[in-house]
Amino acid sequence: MSYPLVKITNSTNYIASGKVSYMSIFCSDDNYTVTPNTTWQAGSRGVCLLTEISATLQTPNGNIQATPYTSSGTSYSEFAIIQTGTNSFAVTRIVNMAENEIPEDYVEPTVQQK
């Protein structure tokens, strides 16, 4: 068993670089660089839980540190770097629509069941 490879989509207009940190000392952290509007993908992951993704963006106003994504240890694999303000950025998890789909056999509760 292994977790899906980490993917980081850079939705900004700036080059971003940073580090993907994993929980175990047996897992090697990944350094990455991703150009604007492209996606970086890790080469391997195995059974390593992710604890942090940092990002620094190279803007005309200098390098700006994004708010990192942090976790006590997650198997999630899809993330994005987004611009949250004029000179502020964040790394966030991408939530797939599949996680939010209603099952085919779902029945809305009646008023009495609510």
Protein backbone atom coordinates (compact mmCIF):
# COMPACT_ATOMS: atom_id res chain seq x y z
CA MET A 1 0.00 0.00 0.00
CA SER A 2 1.17 3.51 -0.75
CA TYR A 3 -0.39 6.96 -0.80
CA PRO A 4 -0.98 8.95 -4.01
CA LEU A 5 1.89 11.15 -5.19
CA VAL A 6 1.78 14.73 -3.91
CA LYS A 7 0.73 17.27 -6.56
CA ILE A 8 1.03 21.03 -6.10
CA THR A 9 -0.74 23.33 -8.56
CA ASN A 10 0.56 26.89 -8.73
CA SER A 11 -2.46 29.06 -9.53
CA THR A 12 -0.46 32.30 -9.18
CA ASN A 13 1.46 34.36 -11.74
CA TYR A 14 4.78 33.80 -9.95
CA ILE A 15 7.37 31.05 -9.68
CA ALA A 16 7.04 29.21 -6.37
CA SER A 17 9.47 26.94 -4.56
CA GLY A 18 9.34 25.18 -1.24
CA LYS A 19 9.43 21.92 0.63
CA VAL A 20 7.04 19.02 1.19
CA SER A 21 7.74 17.62 4.66
CA TYR A 22 6.82 14.07 5.66
CA MET A 23 6.18 12.66 9.12
CA SER A 24 8.74 9.85 9.39
CA ILE A 25 12.53 10.05 9.50
CA PHE A 26 12.40 7.17 7.01
CA CYS A 27 10.74 9.44 4.44
CA SER A 28 12.77 11.97 2.46
CA ASP A 29 11.32 15.47 2.21
CA ASP A 30 10.79 16.85 -1.30
CA ASN A 31 12.04 20.23 -2.49
CA TYR A 32 10.08 21.61 -5.41
CA THR A 33 9.84 24.50 -7.85
CA VAL A 34 6.67 25.12 -9.85
CA THR A 35 6.12 27.74 -12.55
CA PRO A 36 2.92 29.81 -12.86
CA ASN A 37 -0.26 27.89 -13.72
CA THR A 38 1.44 24.48 -13.81
CA THR A 39 1.52 21.45 -11.50
CA TRP A 40 4.51 19.82 -9.81
CA GLN A 41 4.32 16.13 -8.89
CA ALA A 42 6.52 14.22 -6.43
CA GLY A 43 8.57 11.35 -7.79
CA SER A 44 7.65 8.98 -4.97
CA ARG A 45 5.83 8.86 -1.65
CA GLY A 46 5.27 5.34 -0.38
CA VAL A 47 3.46 5.25 2.97
CA CYS A 48 4.68 8.67 4.09
CA LEU A 49 2.16 10.99 5.77
CA LEU A 50 2.56 14.66 4.86
CA THR A 51 2.97 17.24 7.65
CA GLU A 52 3.73 20.53 5.87
CA ILE A 53 4.04 22.21 2.49
CA SER A 54 5.87 25.53 2.42
CA ALA A 55 6.09 27.94 -0.51
CA THR A 56 8.05 31.08 -1.34
CA LEU A 57 6.90 33.13 -4.31
CA GLN A 58 9.23 35.23 -6.45
CA THR A 59 7.28 38.44 -7.00
CA PRO A 60 8.34 41.85 -8.38
CA ASN A 61 8.13 43.04 -4.73
CA GLY A 62 10.64 40.40 -3.64
CA ASN A 63 10.27 36.90 -2.26
CA ILE A 64 7.07 36.39 -0.27
CA GLN A 65 6.53 33.46 2.08
CA ALA A 66 3.09 31.85 1.68
CA THR A 67 1.08 30.62 4.63
CA PRO A 68 2.03 26.93 4.68
CA TYR A 69 -0.30 23.94 4.69
CA THR A 70 0.19 22.06 7.96
CA SER A 71 -1.15 18.81 9.35
CA SER A 72 -0.37 16.35 12.12
CA GLY A 73 -0.05 13.82 9.29
CA THR A 74 -2.28 13.43 6.24
CA SER A 75 -2.55 11.11 3.25
CA TYR A 76 -4.11 13.88 1.12
CA SER A 77 -2.20 14.46 -2.08
CA GLU A 78 -3.61 17.40 -4.06
CA PHE A 79 -2.69 20.94 -3.08
CA ALA A 80 -2.65 24.44 -4.60
CA ILE A 81 -0.76 27.66 -4.09
CA ILE A 82 -3.25 30.53 -4.21
CA GLN A 83 -3.05 34.31 -3.97
CA THR A 84 -5.11 35.56 -1.03
CA GLY A 85 -4.32 39.28 -1.25
CA THR A 86 -2.06 41.86 -2.92
CA ASN A 87 1.11 40.43 -1.38
CA SER A 88 -0.19 37.33 0.38
CA PHE A 89 -0.35 33.69 -0.62
CA ALA A 90 -1.32 30.34 0.91
CA VAL A 91 -0.86 26.64 0.29
CA THR A 92 -4.21 24.85 0.54
CA ARG A 93 -5.63 21.40 -0.05
CA ILE A 94 -7.70 20.85 -3.18
CA VAL A 95 -11.01 19.24 -2.36
CA ASN A 96 -12.27 17.03 -5.19
CA MET A 97 -15.93 17.14 -6.09
CA ALA A 98 -16.02 13.33 -5.78
CA GLU A 99 -15.64 13.73 -2.01
CA ASN A 100 -18.78 15.88 -1.97
CA GLU A 101 -20.98 13.83 -4.31
CA ILE A 102 -24.23 12.48 -2.92
CA PRO A 103 -24.49 8.68 -3.09
CA GLU A 104 -26.97 7.32 -5.67
CA ASP A 105 -29.10 5.67 -2.96
CA TYR A 106 -29.28 8.81 -0.75
CA VAL A 107 -32.76 9.80 0.43
CA GLU A 108 -33.37 13.24 1.93
CA PRO A 109 -34.64 12.90 5.52
CA THR A 110 -38.24 13.90 6.14
CA VAL A 111 -39.08 16.67 8.59
CA GLN A 112 -39.85 14.07 11.27
CA GLN A 113 -36.43 12.41 10.81
CA LYS A 114 -34.48 15.68 11.09
